[in-house]
C-alpha atoms as a PDB file:
ATOM      1  CA  MET A   1     -40.602  13.552 -25.890  1.00  0.00           C
ATOM      2  CA  ALA A   2     -37.035  14.866 -25.760  1.00  0.00           C
ATOM      3  CA  CYS A   3     -34.049  13.080 -27.161  1.00  0.00           C
ATOM      4  CA  LEU A   4     -30.606  13.991 -25.891  1.00  0.00           C
ATOM      5  CA  LEU A   5     -27.664  13.139 -28.093  1.00  0.00           C
ATOM      6  CA  ALA A   6     -24.026  13.794 -27.356  1.00  0.00           C
ATOM      7  CA  PRO A   7     -21.270  13.815 -29.947  1.00  0.00           C
ATOM      8  CA  LEU A   8     -18.988  10.770 -29.955  1.00  0.00           C
ATOM      9  CA  SER A   9     -16.086  12.877 -28.707  1.00  0.00           C
ATOM     10  CA  ALA A  10     -18.032  13.717 -25.534  1.00  0.00           C
ATOM     11  CA  ARG A  11     -18.935  10.094 -24.796  1.00  0.00           C
ATOM     12  CA  GLY A  12     -15.380   8.759 -24.590  1.00  0.00           C
ATOM     13  CA  SER A  13     -14.075   5.950 -26.697  1.00  0.00           C
ATOM     14  CA  GLY A  14     -14.914   3.185 -24.245  1.00  0.00           C
ATOM     15  CA  GLY A  15     -11.780   1.385 -25.373  1.00  0.00           C
ATOM     16  CA  GLU A  16      -9.384   3.420 -23.243  1.00  0.00           C
ATOM     17  CA  LYS A  17      -6.612   1.347 -21.740  1.00  0.00           C
ATOM     18  CA  PRO A  18      -6.170   1.667 -17.993  1.00  0.00           C
ATOM     19  CA  LYS A  19      -2.954   3.374 -16.963  1.00  0.00           C
ATOM     20  CA  PRO A  20      -0.325   0.785 -15.888  1.00  0.00           C
ATOM     21  CA  TYR A  21       0.706   0.672 -12.237  1.00  0.00           C
ATOM     22  CA  ALA A  22       2.813  -1.352  -9.824  1.00  0.00           C
ATOM     23  CA  LEU A  23       1.371  -2.777  -6.606  1.00  0.00           C
ATOM     24  CA  ILE A  24       2.889  -3.420  -3.209  1.00  0.00           C
ATOM     25  CA  PHE A  25       0.733  -5.939  -1.347  1.00  0.00           C
ATOM     26  CA  GLY A  26       1.581  -6.967   2.179  1.00  0.00           C
ATOM     27  CA  THR A  27       0.552  -8.251   5.583  1.00  0.00           C
ATOM     28  CA  VAL A  28       1.401  -6.825   9.012  1.00  0.00           C
ATOM     29  CA  TRP A  29       2.293  -9.526  11.569  1.00  0.00           C
ATOM     30  CA  ASP A  30       2.659  -9.322  15.350  1.00  0.00           C
ATOM     31  CA  PRO A  31       5.675 -11.016  17.000  1.00  0.00           C
ATOM     32  CA  ASP A  32       3.577 -14.170  17.572  1.00  0.00           C
ATOM     33  CA  GLY A  33       2.703 -14.488  13.868  1.00  0.00           C
ATOM     34  CA  HIS A  34      -0.851 -13.121  14.013  1.00  0.00           C
ATOM     35  CA  PRO A  35      -2.061 -10.579  11.431  1.00  0.00           C
ATOM     36  CA  LEU A  36      -2.795  -7.122  12.852  1.00  0.00           C
ATOM     37  CA  TYR A  37      -5.693  -4.804  12.000  1.00  0.00           C
ATOM     38  CA  GLY A  38      -5.407  -1.025  11.843  1.00  0.00           C
ATOM     39  CA  VAL A  39      -1.628  -0.647  11.707  1.00  0.00           C
ATOM     40  CA  LYS A  40      -0.421   2.421   9.823  1.00  0.00           C
ATOM     41  CA  VAL A  41       1.879   1.478   6.938  1.00  0.00           C
ATOM     42  CA  LYS A  42       4.080   4.113   5.327  1.00  0.00           C
ATOM     43  CA  ILE A  43       5.820   3.983   1.961  1.00  0.00           C
ATOM     44  CA  ARG A  44       8.436   6.266   0.454  1.00  0.00           C
ATOM     45  CA  ARG A  45      10.735   6.167  -2.511  1.00  0.00           C
ATOM     46  CA  ALA A  46      14.213   5.033  -1.455  1.00  0.00           C
ATOM     47  CA  ASP A  47      15.744   8.260  -2.784  1.00  0.00           C
ATOM     48  CA  GLU A  48      13.408  10.460  -0.699  1.00  0.00           C
ATOM     49  CA  LYS A  49      13.324  11.195   3.026  1.00  0.00           C
ATOM     50  CA  LYS A  50       9.598  11.830   3.506  1.00  0.00           C
ATOM     51  CA  ASP A  51       6.878   9.190   3.235  1.00  0.00           C
ATOM     52  CA  ARG A  52       4.652   9.587   0.201  1.00  0.00           C
ATOM     53  CA  TRP A  53       1.872   7.065   0.909  1.00  0.00           C
ATOM     54  CA  GLU A  54       0.107   6.137   4.138  1.00  0.00           C
ATOM     55  CA  ILE A  55      -2.376   3.266   4.417  1.00  0.00           C
ATOM     56  CA  TYR A  56      -3.780   1.003   7.134  1.00  0.00           C
ATOM     57  CA  SER A  57      -3.886  -2.779   7.393  1.00  0.00           C
ATOM     58  CA  ASN A  58      -7.364  -4.306   7.078  1.00  0.00           C
ATOM     59  CA  HIS A  59      -9.077  -6.922   9.290  1.00  0.00           C
ATOM     60  CA  THR A  60      -6.812  -9.661   7.928  1.00  0.00           C
ATOM     61  CA  GLY A  61      -3.675  -7.556   8.419  1.00  0.00           C
ATOM     62  CA  GLU A  62      -3.361  -6.891   4.687  1.00  0.00           C
ATOM     63  CA  PHE A  63      -2.668  -3.684   2.803  1.00  0.00           C
ATOM     64  CA  ALA A  64      -2.156  -2.735  -0.835  1.00  0.00           C
ATOM     65  CA  GLN A  65      -0.820   0.400  -2.471  1.00  0.00           C
ATOM     66  CA  ARG A  66      -0.726   1.275  -6.172  1.00  0.00           C
ATOM     67  CA  LEU A  67       2.464   2.969  -7.309  1.00  0.00           C
ATOM     68  CA  PRO A  68       3.599   4.441 -10.608  1.00  0.00           C
ATOM     69  CA  ALA A  69       4.858   1.802 -13.046  1.00  0.00           C
ATOM     70  CA  GLY A  70       8.557   1.989 -13.759  1.00  0.00           C
ATOM     71  CA  LYS A  71      11.894   1.174 -12.204  1.00  0.00           C
ATOM     72  CA  ALA A  72      12.140   2.368  -8.586  1.00  0.00           C
ATOM     73  CA  ASP A  73      12.981   1.238  -5.066  1.00  0.00           C
ATOM     74  CA  TYR A  74      10.564   1.814  -2.193  1.00  0.00           C
ATOM     75  CA  ILE A  75      10.936   1.617   1.581  1.00  0.00           C
ATOM     76  CA  VAL A  76       7.938   0.216   3.485  1.00  0.00           C
ATOM     77  CA  TRP A  77       7.519   0.200   7.262  1.00  0.00           C
ATOM     78  CA  ALA A  78       4.878  -0.006   9.987  1.00  0.00           C
ATOM     79  CA  ASP A  79       4.339   3.070  12.135  1.00  0.00           C
ATOM     80  CA  VAL A  80       3.086   1.773  15.501  1.00  0.00           C
ATOM     81  CA  LYS A  81       3.255   5.107  17.316  1.00  0.00           C
ATOM     82  CA  GLY A  82      -0.051   5.370  19.173  1.00  0.00           C
ATOM     83  CA  TYR A  83      -1.112   1.822  18.238  1.00  0.00           C
ATOM     84  CA  LYS A  84      -2.616  -0.031  21.203  1.00  0.00           C
ATOM     85  CA  LEU A  85      -3.185  -3.750  21.537  1.00  0.00           C
ATOM     86  CA  PRO A  86      -6.187  -4.911  23.614  1.00  0.00           C
ATOM     87  CA  SER A  87      -3.710  -6.665  25.950  1.00  0.00           C
ATOM     88  CA  GLY A  88      -1.916  -3.377  26.609  1.00  0.00           C
ATOM     89  CA  ARG A  89       1.416  -4.715  25.335  1.00  0.00           C
ATOM     90  CA  GLN A  90       3.481  -2.239  23.389  1.00  0.00           C
ATOM     91  CA  LEU A  91       4.629  -3.091  19.860  1.00  0.00           C
ATOM     92  CA  LYS A  92       7.797  -1.858  18.184  1.00  0.00           C
ATOM     93  CA  SER A  93       8.260  -1.387  14.471  1.00  0.00           C
ATOM     94  CA  GLY A  94      10.133  -4.189  12.824  1.00  0.00           C
ATOM     95  CA  PRO A  95      12.755  -3.654  10.143  1.00  0.00           C
ATOM     96  CA  GLU A  96      11.964  -1.574   7.090  1.00  0.00           C
ATOM     97  CA  VAL A  97      11.421  -3.551   3.904  1.00  0.00           C
ATOM     98  CA  THR A  98      12.981  -2.446   0.623  1.00  0.00           C
ATOM     99  CA  VAL A  99      10.905  -3.267  -2.448  1.00  0.00           C
ATOM    100  CA  HIS A 100      12.342  -3.102  -5.963  1.00  0.00           C
ATOM    101  CA  ILE A 101       9.872  -2.468  -8.787  1.00  0.00           C
ATOM    102  CA  ASP A 102      10.893  -2.806 -12.443  1.00  0.00           C
ATOM    103  CA  ASP A 103       7.651  -2.021 -14.256  1.00  0.00           C
ATOM    104  CA  ASP A 104       3.916  -2.703 -13.782  1.00  0.00           C
ATOM    105  CA  GLU A 105       4.160  -5.625 -11.377  1.00  0.00           C
ATOM    106  CA  ARG A 106       3.017  -6.793  -7.955  1.00  0.00           C
ATOM    107  CA  SER A 107       5.398  -7.312  -5.063  1.00  0.00           C
ATOM    108  CA  ASP A 108       4.238  -9.215  -1.953  1.00  0.00           C
ATOM    109  CA  ILE A 109       5.867  -8.461   1.406  1.00  0.00           C
ATOM    110  CA  GLY A 110       5.402  -8.993   5.119  1.00  0.00           C
ATOM    111  CA  LEU A 111       5.995  -6.478   7.901  1.00  0.00           C
ATOM    112  CA  HIS A 112       6.958  -8.295  11.110  1.00  0.00           C
ATOM    113  CA  LEU A 113       6.676  -6.276  14.315  1.00  0.00           C
ATOM    114  CA  ASP A 114       8.616  -6.731  17.579  1.00  0.00           C
ATOM    115  CA  TRP A 115       7.767  -6.461  21.284  1.00  0.00           C
END
């Protein structure tokens, strides 16, 4: 019978605190007020030109992105290029949403698309 023991330093303390983060949570809506699945959502810091995060809305139109905790402004928008509705109607991106984060908090938004 073999017994394997690891030093305490190799096991981890188990009491490690999770790293704080901010969260942008949102829903993508069509012009008729219905949530949309599979829409690409892009997020960038307001002081940058290029998007940093790219996620997709789920079956209830919702999305969530963790961001570094701390004071910052973010720009969030829906990228509907190549997105096709079953009806064949073409969607247009709605206005960008600016989100202000102060620390490790959650901000809820809605992205409303146009025809």
